[in-house]
Amino acid sequence: MGLAADLEHAQRIASAVETFAGRSNALSGAVDARVTVTVIACPPYADALGGADVFSSLRLPSGVAPALVLEPANAALLAAKILALADPVVGARVEQTQAAGRQKVIDADRSLRA
């Protein structure tokens, strides 16, 4: 399969596509320009650029609008939330995951205050 076939396949079966590429943040914009499903950009951090490379995921031409999430786990959560719009089972799992995360923060706060 080539890029065109992969994009066509994603368009048919996906509600969202998450992009993550090694040395270029251009992938997300290129994919978003070719599909109508949600594209979630999760660019890797580049030490050499001090994070400034993320601007290539922010400054995009008109009509190209991938979502940008910097942490892979949060990008997965966003994808799950998109899927949850059509699947209540996924929505319930998202709700459980977020409740567990909130409880973890509350517990950590309590232990710091003790």
Protein backbone atom coordinates (compact mmCIF):
# COMPACT_ATOMS: atom_id res chain seq x y z
CA MET A 1 0.00 0.00 0.00
CA GLY A 2 1.11 3.53 -0.70
CA LEU A 3 0.18 6.81 0.96
CA ALA A 4 -2.83 7.40 -1.31
CA ALA A 5 -4.23 3.92 -0.64
CA ASP A 6 -3.62 4.28 3.09
CA LEU A 7 -5.44 7.62 3.19
CA GLU A 8 -8.33 6.24 1.18
CA HIS A 9 -8.58 3.28 3.57
CA ALA A 10 -8.49 5.55 6.63
CA GLN A 11 -11.20 7.71 5.12
CA ARG A 12 -13.50 4.67 4.77
CA ILE A 13 -13.02 3.10 8.19
CA ALA A 14 -11.85 5.73 10.67
CA SER A 15 -13.48 8.44 12.73
CA ALA A 16 -10.08 9.88 13.60
CA VAL A 17 -6.46 9.46 12.53
CA GLU A 18 -3.56 10.09 14.89
CA THR A 19 -0.29 11.10 13.27
CA PHE A 20 3.14 10.79 14.81
CA ALA A 21 6.31 11.03 12.73
CA GLY A 22 9.96 10.97 13.63
CA ARG A 23 11.61 14.15 12.35
CA SER A 24 8.84 16.09 10.64
CA ASN A 25 5.64 17.65 11.85
CA ALA A 26 4.45 18.07 8.26
CA LEU A 27 2.76 14.66 8.24
CA SER A 28 -0.35 15.82 10.11
CA GLY A 29 -1.05 18.69 7.76
CA ALA A 30 -0.45 16.52 4.70
CA VAL A 31 -2.85 13.87 5.98
CA ASP A 32 -5.47 16.41 7.12
CA ALA A 33 -5.47 18.05 3.69
CA ARG A 34 -6.40 14.70 2.11
CA VAL A 35 -9.11 13.31 4.45
CA THR A 36 -12.33 14.54 6.01
CA VAL A 37 -12.00 12.60 9.28
CA THR A 38 -10.41 14.23 12.32
CA VAL A 39 -6.61 14.18 12.29
CA ILE A 40 -4.84 14.38 15.64
CA ALA A 41 -1.26 15.62 15.39
CA CYS A 42 1.06 14.35 18.10
CA PRO A 43 4.48 15.58 17.01
CA PRO A 44 7.59 14.26 18.74
CA TYR A 45 9.56 16.75 20.80
CA ALA A 46 12.81 17.81 19.14
CA ASP A 47 15.49 18.80 21.65
CA ALA A 48 17.54 20.51 18.95
CA LEU A 49 14.76 23.02 18.30
CA GLY A 50 13.64 23.51 21.89
CA GLY A 51 10.06 22.69 20.98
CA ALA A 52 9.83 25.43 18.34
CA ASP A 53 9.23 22.79 15.67
CA VAL A 54 5.65 22.51 16.93
CA PHE A 55 4.86 25.70 15.01
CA SER A 56 4.79 23.68 11.79
CA SER A 57 1.74 21.94 13.25
CA LEU A 58 0.11 25.25 14.18
CA ARG A 59 0.72 27.47 11.15
CA LEU A 60 -1.12 25.67 8.37
CA PRO A 61 -2.87 26.79 5.19
CA SER A 62 -6.58 27.56 5.18
CA GLY A 63 -8.65 24.40 5.11
CA VAL A 64 -6.02 22.32 6.90
CA ALA A 65 -6.90 21.91 10.57
CA PRO A 66 -5.55 18.92 12.48
CA ALA A 67 -6.01 18.91 16.25
CA LEU A 68 -2.70 19.26 18.10
CA VAL A 69 -2.04 17.31 21.29
CA LEU A 70 1.52 17.07 22.58
CA GLU A 71 1.26 14.02 24.84
CA PRO A 72 0.57 10.65 23.17
CA ALA A 73 -1.71 9.47 25.99
CA ASN A 74 -3.80 12.63 25.66
CA ALA A 75 -3.92 12.22 21.88
CA ALA A 76 -5.31 8.72 22.45
CA LEU A 77 -7.85 10.17 24.90
CA LEU A 78 -8.98 12.70 22.29
CA ALA A 79 -9.38 9.91 19.74
CA ALA A 80 -11.43 7.93 22.27
CA LYS A 81 -13.64 10.96 22.94
CA ILE A 82 -14.28 11.30 19.20
CA LEU A 83 -15.19 7.61 18.98
CA ALA A 84 -17.39 8.01 22.06
CA LEU A 85 -19.65 10.37 20.13
CA ALA A 86 -20.99 7.31 18.31
CA ASP A 87 -20.28 4.57 20.86
CA PRO A 88 -21.63 4.83 24.43
CA VAL A 89 -19.39 1.96 25.58
CA VAL A 90 -16.32 3.95 24.60
CA GLY A 91 -17.86 7.00 26.29
CA ALA A 92 -18.26 5.06 29.53
CA ARG A 93 -14.60 3.98 29.38
CA VAL A 94 -13.51 7.57 28.78
CA GLU A 95 -15.58 8.64 31.78
CA GLN A 96 -13.98 5.92 33.96
CA THR A 97 -10.49 6.85 32.79
CA GLN A 98 -11.03 10.52 33.53
CA ALA A 99 -12.56 9.79 36.94
CA ALA A 100 -9.55 7.62 37.83
CA GLY A 101 -7.22 10.41 36.71
CA ARG A 102 -9.06 12.98 38.84
CA GLN A 103 -8.91 10.66 41.85
CA LYS A 104 -5.18 10.17 41.36
CA VAL A 105 -4.62 13.94 41.45
CA ILE A 106 -6.85 14.30 44.54
CA ASP A 107 -4.95 11.50 46.32
CA ALA A 108 -1.58 13.02 45.42
CA ASP A 109 -2.72 16.41 46.69
CA ARG A 110 -3.89 14.89 49.97
CA SER A 111 -0.56 13.11 50.49
CA LEU A 112 1.32 16.38 49.90
CA ARG A 113 -0.85 18.22 52.41
CA ALA A 114 -0.52 15.51 55.06
